[in-house]
């Protein structure tokens, strides 16, 4: 006699209940950040872990009156995903907007890149809500994204005129990033356009740097699946030495973190290369919480090793990996041939937005 394994029933987001505390953040996502119109079509992608959050956004889509289709990944394919299910990619080909609210698993970056390839090709407005949680829905997603957009624009105007960025922290960060005129700066402030898909909650300005040198002390968080594994690193910071845009050393009292980070950033020939230099601008986020989706928007500097988002920044090289690292309490100076201007002191912006 064969023992049959009972499969869980497919999830219908229209009938799934969710905490009412999610509603303000869901409304922010659909109406303020994505500005979805009744005549548009939306592809909503989620998984079982984030289904209640997706259900809160599904109700907002219903209230807008737009057409939308939802996909729960476990109903389509085994996790971790080898690739994004074809049903999802096909539906995106007829949508103007997509929302990705999923708890990621190790080695799923390829599937996400297949999804964003469609977003980039079709110039969709895409909300990337990787590892979204109830905590983020009731914190970062309730931010005033119009105010964040104003601050982000003020930062963007200044960094586009600079030739380098210098940043320090009390924990020991001391880095110098030369900026390349061939690489574009972008803001992803939470107000999402067809120019660049964005994470939600939003709040950053980023580019691919020309060259980064110095020391970056990660006393905030590391990204991808390592974030959930190690949480906030204030007590066991990761110190990364960078020369010529490449990692030359990484050390931490937590030797397993040190090994996991080193292994991740040596997956391919460009995994150890600084692909992103960014300034977080979400002034609605008051502290790091151990979740990279929100923590990388925390006011200050974060950098990422691996893929430089070349379709947007103009960088010509690629990587199969991308991992962010976040520090705390930054001092930031922007410089050019005429001198320097400090735009942040001890984690507080000195700019009027």
Protein backbone atom coordinates (compact mmCIF):
# COMPACT_ATOMS: atom_id res chain seq x y z
CA UNK A 1 0.00 0.00 0.00
CA UNK A 2 1.36 3.40 -1.00
CA UNK A 3 1.26 6.19 1.54
CA UNK A 4 0.04 9.33 -0.15
CA UNK A 5 1.34 12.65 1.11
CA UNK A 6 -1.53 15.09 1.33
CA UNK A 7 -0.72 18.37 -0.36
CA UNK A 8 -1.90 21.58 1.29
CA UNK A 9 -4.82 23.26 -0.42
CA UNK A 10 -4.07 26.15 -2.76
CA UNK A 11 -4.37 29.57 -1.14
CA UNK A 12 -6.98 32.06 -2.35
CA UNK A 13 -5.84 35.54 -1.33
CA UNK A 14 -9.35 36.90 -1.78
CA UNK A 15 -10.64 34.84 1.13
CA UNK A 16 -7.54 34.79 3.35
CA UNK A 17 -7.85 36.89 6.50
CA UNK A 18 -5.05 39.19 7.67
CA UNK A 19 -4.35 41.53 10.62
CA UNK A 20 -5.98 44.94 10.11
CA UNK A 21 -2.65 46.55 11.10
CA UNK A 22 -1.39 45.63 7.61
CA UNK A 23 -3.91 47.88 5.86
CA UNK A 24 -2.06 51.26 6.08
CA UNK A 25 1.14 49.72 4.68
CA UNK A 26 -0.73 47.86 1.96
CA UNK A 27 -2.57 51.04 0.98
CA UNK A 28 0.75 52.89 0.88
CA UNK A 29 2.19 50.24 -1.45
CA UNK A 30 -0.70 50.16 -3.90
CA UNK A 31 -1.78 53.81 -4.02
CA UNK A 32 1.22 55.94 -2.96
CA UNK A 33 4.21 53.89 -4.10
CA UNK A 34 2.92 52.08 -7.19
CA UNK A 35 0.04 54.47 -8.08
CA UNK A 36 -1.95 51.62 -9.64
CA UNK A 37 -4.82 52.69 -11.90
CA UNK A 38 -8.12 50.88 -12.53
CA UNK A 39 -7.25 50.27 -16.20
CA UNK A 40 -3.98 48.47 -15.37
CA UNK A 41 -3.18 44.81 -14.74
CA UNK A 42 -1.05 43.58 -11.82
CA UNK A 43 0.88 40.35 -11.18
CA UNK A 44 1.03 39.62 -7.44
CA UNK A 45 3.62 37.00 -6.44
CA UNK A 46 3.86 35.60 -2.91
CA UNK A 47 4.50 32.45 -0.90
CA UNK A 48 2.83 30.75 2.05
CA UNK A 49 4.95 32.61 4.60
CA UNK A 50 3.94 36.04 3.26
CA UNK A 51 0.42 35.18 2.10
CA UNK A 52 -1.36 37.31 4.73
CA UNK A 53 0.67 40.36 3.69
CA UNK A 54 -0.14 39.64 0.04
CA UNK A 55 -3.82 39.28 0.98
CA UNK A 56 -3.81 42.79 2.45
CA UNK A 57 -2.49 44.12 -0.85
CA UNK A 58 -4.95 42.01 -2.82
CA UNK A 59 -7.81 43.76 -1.02
CA UNK A 60 -6.30 47.13 -1.96
CA UNK A 61 -6.09 45.99 -5.60
CA UNK A 62 -9.76 44.99 -5.45
CA UNK A 63 -10.64 48.43 -4.13
CA UNK A 64 -8.68 50.10 -6.94
CA UNK A 65 -10.70 48.03 -9.40
CA UNK A 66 -7.78 46.85 -11.54
CA UNK A 67 -7.29 43.41 -13.06
CA UNK A 68 -4.84 41.23 -11.13
CA UNK A 69 -3.63 37.68 -10.87
CA UNK A 70 -1.96 36.17 -7.81
CA UNK A 71 0.55 33.33 -7.61
CA UNK A 72 1.62 31.45 -4.47
CA UNK A 73 5.01 29.95 -5.31
CA UNK A 74 4.61 26.69 -3.39
CA UNK A 75 1.45 26.00 -5.40
CA UNK A 76 3.56 26.11 -8.58
CA UNK A 77 7.01 24.68 -7.82
CA UNK A 78 9.26 23.19 -5.16
CA UNK A 79 11.33 25.53 -2.99
CA UNK A 80 14.08 26.64 -3.20
CA UNK A 81 13.16 27.69 -6.71
CA UNK A 82 15.40 26.57 -9.55
CA UNK A 83 13.80 29.23 -11.74
CA UNK A 84 10.75 31.48 -11.67
CA UNK A 85 7.68 29.42 -12.70
CA UNK A 86 6.66 29.99 -16.31
CA UNK A 87 3.06 30.79 -15.29
CA UNK A 88 4.35 33.79 -13.37
CA UNK A 89 6.61 35.04 -16.17
CA UNK A 90 3.85 34.65 -18.75
CA UNK A 91 1.39 36.62 -16.63
CA UNK A 92 3.93 39.40 -16.13
CA UNK A 93 4.19 39.75 -19.91
CA UNK A 94 0.69 41.25 -19.97
CA UNK A 95 0.93 43.33 -16.78
CA UNK A 96 2.01 46.91 -16.18
CA UNK A 97 2.78 46.34 -12.48
CA UNK A 98 4.19 43.48 -10.41
CA UNK A 99 4.52 42.91 -6.67
CA UNK A 100 6.89 40.32 -5.20
CA UNK A 101 6.16 39.64 -1.51
CA UNK A 102 8.13 36.49 -0.66
CA UNK A 103 10.44 35.09 2.03
CA UNK A 104 13.44 34.02 -0.01
CA UNK A 105 15.36 30.79 0.42
CA UNK A 106 19.04 30.09 -0.29
CA UNK A 107 20.10 29.95 -3.94
CA UNK A 108 16.94 31.57 -5.33
CA UNK A 109 18.62 34.67 -6.73
CA UNK A 110 18.51 33.24 -10.26
CA UNK A 111 14.72 32.97 -10.12
CA UNK A 112 14.42 36.57 -8.93
CA UNK A 113 16.73 37.75 -11.72
CA UNK A 114 14.52 35.96 -14.27
CA UNK A 115 11.59 37.92 -12.88
CA UNK A 116 13.38 41.28 -12.91
CA UNK A 117 14.60 40.59 -16.45
CA UNK A 118 10.93 40.72 -17.49
CA UNK A 119 10.42 43.86 -15.40
CA UNK A 120 13.39 45.57 -17.06
CA UNK A 121 12.46 44.44 -20.57
CA UNK A 122 8.86 45.64 -20.27
CA UNK A 123 9.65 48.69 -18.10
CA UNK A 124 7.13 47.60 -15.47
CA UNK A 125 6.55 49.28 -12.13
CA UNK A 126 7.74 46.57 -9.77
CA UNK A 127 7.62 46.45 -5.96
CA UNK A 128 10.32 44.12 -4.63
CA UNK A 129 9.27 43.10 -1.11
CA UNK A 130 11.79 40.35 -0.39
CA UNK A 131 11.48 38.98 3.17
CA UNK A 132 8.63 41.34 4.01
CA UNK A 133 7.35 40.79 7.56
CA UNK A 134 4.54 41.94 9.81
CA UNK A 135 7.07 44.17 11.60
CA UNK A 136 7.99 45.95 8.37
CA UNK A 137 4.34 46.29 7.33
CA UNK A 138 3.66 48.17 10.56
CA UNK A 139 6.91 50.19 10.54
CA UNK A 140 8.77 50.98 7.32
CA UNK A 141 5.72 50.56 5.08
CA UNK A 142 3.88 53.25 7.06
CA UNK A 143 6.56 55.87 6.30
CA UNK A 144 5.80 59.18 4.57
CA UNK A 145 7.18 58.21 1.17
CA UNK A 146 6.52 61.63 -0.30
CA UNK A 147 8.86 63.18 2.30
CA UNK A 148 11.39 60.41 1.67
CA UNK A 149 11.19 61.13 -2.04
CA UNK A 150 11.96 64.81 -1.45
CA UNK A 151 15.01 63.96 0.67
CA UNK A 152 16.14 61.31 -1.83
CA UNK A 153 15.95 63.86 -4.64
CA UNK A 154 18.06 66.32 -2.63
CA UNK A 155 20.67 63.60 -2.07
CA UNK A 156 20.50 62.53 -5.71
CA UNK A 157 21.15 66.06 -6.97
CA UNK A 158 24.27 66.31 -4.83
CA UNK A 159 25.78 62.87 -5.46
CA UNK A 160 25.36 63.27 -9.22
CA UNK A 161 27.59 66.36 -9.03
CA UNK A 162 30.24 64.69 -6.83
CA UNK A 163 33.32 62.80 -7.98
CA UNK A 164 33.80 60.85 -4.76
CA UNK A 165 32.12 59.91 -1.48
CA UNK A 166 33.98 59.54 1.80
CA UNK A 167 32.35 57.87 4.81
CA UNK A 168 33.36 57.01 8.38
CA UNK A 169 31.76 55.56 11.51
CA UNK A 170 32.76 55.34 15.16
CA UNK A 171 32.89 51.54 14.74
CA UNK A 172 35.83 51.87 12.33
CA UNK A 173 34.44 52.26 8.83
CA UNK A 174 36.66 54.47 6.68
CA UNK A 175 35.96 54.16 2.97
CA UNK A 176 36.56 56.23 -0.15
CA UNK A 177 34.41 55.64 -3.21
CA UNK A 178 35.50 57.12 -6.52
CA UNK A 179 32.46 57.76 -8.71
CA UNK A 180 32.45 56.99 -12.42
CA UNK A 181 30.78 59.42 -14.84
CA UNK A 182 29.88 56.36 -16.91
CA UNK A 183 27.65 54.92 -14.17
CA UNK A 184 24.25 56.37 -13.35
CA UNK A 185 22.83 57.22 -9.93
CA UNK A 186 19.24 56.26 -9.15
CA UNK A 187 16.85 56.92 -6.33
CA UNK A 188 14.42 54.26 -5.14
CA UNK A 189 12.51 56.35 -2.65
CA UNK A 190 9.41 54.19 -2.48
CA UNK A 191 7.76 56.13 -5.32
CA UNK A 192 8.19 53.51 -8.02
CA UNK A 193 8.42 54.39 -11.71
CA UNK A 194 9.19 52.61 -14.96
CA UNK A 195 12.74 54.00 -14.79
CA UNK A 196 13.81 51.60 -12.04
CA UNK A 197 11.96 48.95 -10.10
CA UNK A 198 12.27 49.44 -6.38
CA UNK A 199 12.26 47.71 -3.03
CA UNK A 200 9.46 48.41 -0.60
CA UNK A 201 9.85 49.94 1.84
CA UNK A 202 11.93 52.30 -0.27
CA UNK A 203 14.45 54.97 0.54
CA UNK A 204 17.91 54.98 -1.04
CA UNK A 205 20.10 56.48 -3.75
CA UNK A 206 22.54 54.07 -5.39
CA UNK A 207 25.06 53.64 -8.18
CA UNK A 208 27.77 51.25 -9.27
CA UNK A 209 30.98 52.85 -7.95
CA UNK A 210 34.06 53.43 -10.03
CA UNK A 211 36.35 52.12 -7.28
CA UNK A 212 36.02 51.63 -3.53
CA UNK A 213 38.96 51.39 -1.11
CA UNK A 214 39.12 51.19 2.67
CA UNK A 215 37.47 49.38 5.55
CA UNK A 216 33.74 48.79 6.00
CA UNK A 217 32.58 47.64 9.44
CA UNK A 218 29.22 45.86 9.25
CA UNK A 219 27.65 46.49 12.65
CA UNK A 220 24.17 46.54 11.13
CA UNK A 221 23.27 43.54 8.97
CA UNK A 222 24.40 41.45 6.01
CA UNK A 223 21.97 40.64 3.22
CA UNK A 224 20.32 37.75 1.41
CA UNK A 225 19.65 34.63 3.50
CA UNK A 226 22.56 35.48 5.84
CA UNK A 227 20.46 38.27 7.32
CA UNK A 228 17.92 35.87 8.80
CA UNK A 229 20.72 33.56 9.92
CA UNK A 230 22.80 36.15 11.80
CA UNK A 231 20.53 39.12 12.52
CA UNK A 232 21.95 42.39 13.86
CA UNK A 233 25.76 42.34 14.09
CA UNK A 234 26.31 45.11 16.63
CA UNK A 235 27.98 42.68 19.09
CA UNK A 236 29.84 40.62 16.47
CA UNK A 237 30.59 43.04 13.61
CA UNK A 238 32.04 41.89 10.31
CA UNK A 239 35.08 43.94 9.20
CA UNK A 240 35.68 43.99 5.44
CA UNK A 241 38.88 45.34 3.87
CA UNK A 242 38.46 46.51 0.27
CA UNK A 243 41.24 47.27 -2.21
CA UNK A 244 40.62 48.17 -5.84
CA UNK A 245 36.92 47.41 -5.45
CA UNK A 246 37.59 43.83 -4.27
CA UNK A 247 37.36 42.16 -0.87
CA UNK A 248 40.83 41.29 0.37
CA UNK A 249 39.94 40.35 3.96
CA UNK A 250 36.84 39.72 6.06
CA UNK A 251 36.95 39.05 9.78
CA UNK A 252 34.55 38.64 12.68
CA UNK A 253 34.53 37.10 16.15
CA UNK A 254 31.71 34.97 14.72
CA UNK A 255 33.83 32.64 12.60
CA UNK A 256 30.83 30.92 10.99
CA UNK A 257 29.54 34.31 9.80
CA UNK A 258 33.02 35.10 8.51
CA UNK A 259 33.13 31.81 6.57
CA UNK A 260 29.58 32.05 5.21
CA UNK A 261 30.16 35.61 4.01
CA UNK A 262 33.51 34.72 2.44
CA UNK A 263 32.00 31.71 0.66
CA UNK A 264 29.05 33.76 -0.61
CA UNK A 265 31.30 36.52 -1.95
CA UNK A 266 33.51 34.01 -3.77
CA UNK A 267 30.76 32.24 -5.70
CA UNK A 268 31.94 33.58 -9.06
CA UNK A 269 34.66 35.85 -10.42
CA UNK A 270 32.77 39.05 -9.54
CA UNK A 271 31.05 38.04 -6.30
CA UNK A 272 33.74 39.85 -4.27
CA UNK A 273 33.53 43.05 -6.32
CA UNK A 274 31.69 46.15 -5.05
CA UNK A 275 28.71 46.38 -7.37
CA UNK A 276 26.59 48.90 -5.47
CA UNK A 277 27.29 52.00 -3.41
CA UNK A 278 24.19 53.43 -1.75
CA UNK A 279 22.94 56.02 0.72
CA UNK A 280 19.84 55.06 2.71
CA UNK A 281 17.23 57.82 2.93
CA UNK A 282 14.21 56.31 4.74
CA UNK A 283 13.90 58.77 7.61
CA UNK A 284 10.83 56.85 8.79
CA UNK A 285 13.10 53.96 9.88
CA UNK A 286 14.47 54.63 13.36
CA UNK A 287 16.62 51.51 13.91
CA UNK A 288 17.85 48.35 12.26
CA UNK A 289 15.64 45.32 12.92
CA UNK A 290 17.62 42.45 11.40
CA UNK A 291 15.85 42.43 8.05
CA UNK A 292 17.79 43.66 5.01
CA UNK A 293 14.67 44.75 3.12
CA UNK A 294 14.11 47.56 5.60
CA UNK A 295 17.57 47.89 7.12
CA UNK A 296 19.32 48.84 3.87
CA UNK A 297 17.05 51.92 3.75
CA UNK A 298 18.23 53.02 7.21
CA UNK A 299 19.87 56.47 6.89
CA UNK A 300 23.57 55.95 6.18
CA UNK A 301 25.76 54.03 3.73
CA UNK A 302 25.38 50.48 2.54
CA UNK A 303 27.35 48.72 -0.17
CA UNK A 304 26.78 45.46 -1.99
CA UNK A 305 29.20 42.93 -3.43
CA UNK A 306 28.27 41.24 -6.69
CA UNK A 307 25.94 42.21 -9.51
CA UNK A 308 25.93 45.98 -10.24
CA UNK A 309 22.41 46.15 -11.76
CA UNK A 310 24.06 47.02 -15.04
CA UNK A 311 20.79 47.43 -16.94
CA UNK A 312 20.28 50.58 -14.89
CA UNK A 313 23.69 51.76 -13.69
CA UNK A 314 25.50 51.13 -16.97
CA UNK A 315 28.14 48.83 -15.46
CA UNK A 316 29.19 46.27 -18.07
CA UNK A 317 30.09 43.34 -15.80
CA UNK A 318 27.81 40.81 -14.09
CA UNK A 319 27.66 38.42 -11.17
CA UNK A 320 25.30 35.63 -10.15
CA UNK A 321 25.27 37.01 -6.57
CA UNK A 322 24.46 40.27 -4.80
CA UNK A 323 24.80 40.79 -1.05
CA UNK A 324 24.31 44.05 0.84
CA UNK A 325 26.12 45.09 4.02
CA UNK A 326 24.84 47.83 6.34
CA UNK A 327 26.71 49.92 8.88
CA UNK A 328 25.48 52.34 11.57
CA UNK A 329 26.09 55.95 12.60
CA UNK A 330 27.67 57.35 9.44
CA UNK A 331 29.46 60.58 8.67
CA UNK A 332 29.29 61.22 4.91
CA UNK A 333 31.14 63.74 2.76
CA UNK A 334 30.69 64.39 -0.96
CA UNK A 335 33.67 65.78 -2.81
CA UNK A 336 34.88 67.19 -6.11
CA UNK A 337 37.73 69.40 -7.32
CA UNK A 338 36.32 72.35 -5.36
CA UNK A 339 36.26 70.61 -1.97
CA UNK A 340 33.95 68.58 0.29
CA UNK A 341 30.46 68.96 1.72
CA UNK A 342 29.28 66.93 4.68
CA UNK A 343 25.73 65.67 4.20
CA UNK A 344 25.42 63.40 7.27
CA UNK A 345 26.79 63.56 10.80
CA UNK A 346 26.44 60.62 13.20
CA UNK A 347 23.63 59.15 11.15
CA UNK A 348 21.61 62.37 10.79
CA UNK A 349 21.17 64.12 7.43
CA UNK A 350 22.36 67.73 7.25
CA UNK A 351 20.22 68.45 4.16
CA UNK A 352 16.91 70.26 3.90
CA UNK A 353 14.47 68.30 1.78
